[in-house]
Amino acid sequence: MSNTPGTFQNHGSDLEFVALTRAADVAGIAAHEVTNAISNGHLQVHEVSGCKCVVLFDLIRLKQEASQ
């Protein structure tokens, strides 16, 4: 996902982040599922370079849980 608009990398921890505005599209789930996960505390929001983001790994895990 490097060099994709709306994505960020933390080279110190090797985490990849996705901007909230792109999270639902990247995961292929409905936007309200992302919003609900944030509200319920299942998905943590981080600020990267002034942009609110979620960790890509957590987003993928959310998609897998939603599909079950």
Protein backbone atom coordinates (compact mmCIF):
# COMPACT_ATOMS: atom_id res chain seq x y z
CA MET A 1 0.00 0.00 0.00
CA SER A 2 2.94 2.36 -0.09
CA ASN A 3 2.50 5.54 -2.12
CA THR A 4 -1.28 5.21 -2.09
CA PRO A 5 -3.24 8.37 -1.27
CA GLY A 6 -4.64 8.30 2.25
CA THR A 7 -2.09 5.83 3.61
CA PHE A 8 0.81 6.42 5.98
CA GLN A 9 3.65 4.28 7.26
CA ASN A 10 5.41 4.38 10.61
CA HIS A 11 8.84 3.05 9.79
CA GLY A 12 9.78 2.79 13.47
CA SER A 13 7.02 0.29 14.25
CA ASP A 14 6.31 -0.92 10.68
CA LEU A 15 2.63 -0.04 11.10
CA GLU A 16 0.57 1.08 8.13
CA PHE A 17 -2.22 3.58 8.68
CA VAL A 18 -5.26 4.39 6.55
CA ALA A 19 -7.04 7.75 6.67
CA LEU A 20 -10.57 7.51 8.08
CA THR A 21 -11.94 8.98 4.87
CA ARG A 22 -10.58 5.95 2.97
CA ALA A 23 -10.97 3.24 5.62
CA ALA A 24 -14.33 1.86 4.46
CA ASP A 25 -13.22 1.75 0.81
CA VAL A 26 -9.92 0.05 1.63
CA ALA A 27 -11.60 -2.57 3.83
CA GLY A 28 -14.54 -3.06 1.50
CA ILE A 29 -17.10 -2.59 4.27
CA ALA A 30 -19.82 -0.04 4.91
CA ALA A 31 -18.77 3.27 6.46
CA HIS A 32 -21.22 2.83 9.35
CA GLU A 33 -19.39 -0.37 10.37
CA VAL A 34 -16.15 1.61 10.74
CA THR A 35 -17.98 4.33 12.67
CA ASN A 36 -19.64 1.78 14.96
CA ALA A 37 -16.31 0.05 15.65
CA ILE A 38 -14.74 3.37 16.62
CA SER A 39 -17.70 4.27 18.85
CA ASN A 40 -17.63 0.85 20.54
CA GLY A 41 -13.87 1.04 21.15
CA HIS A 42 -12.99 -1.83 18.81
CA LEU A 43 -11.05 0.42 16.44
CA GLN A 44 -8.64 3.05 17.76
CA VAL A 45 -8.11 6.36 15.94
CA HIS A 46 -4.57 7.74 15.64
CA GLU A 47 -3.43 11.11 14.35
CA VAL A 48 -0.69 10.97 11.74
CA SER A 49 0.56 14.22 10.21
CA GLY A 50 -2.67 15.92 11.25
CA CYS A 51 -4.84 13.23 9.65
CA LYS A 52 -7.12 10.92 11.64
CA CYS A 53 -6.22 7.34 10.77
CA VAL A 54 -6.68 3.71 11.79
CA VAL A 55 -4.13 0.91 11.71
CA LEU A 56 -4.47 -1.20 8.55
CA PHE A 57 -4.10 -4.46 10.50
CA ASP A 58 -6.97 -3.47 12.81
CA LEU A 59 -9.10 -2.55 9.80
CA ILE A 60 -8.50 -5.95 8.20
CA ARG A 61 -9.36 -7.67 11.48
CA LEU A 62 -12.60 -5.66 11.63
CA LYS A 63 -13.51 -6.80 8.12
CA GLN A 64 -12.88 -10.45 9.02
CA GLU A 65 -15.04 -10.13 12.15
CA ALA A 66 -17.81 -8.44 10.14
CA SER A 67 -17.84 -11.25 7.58
CA GLN A 68 -18.34 -13.96 10.22
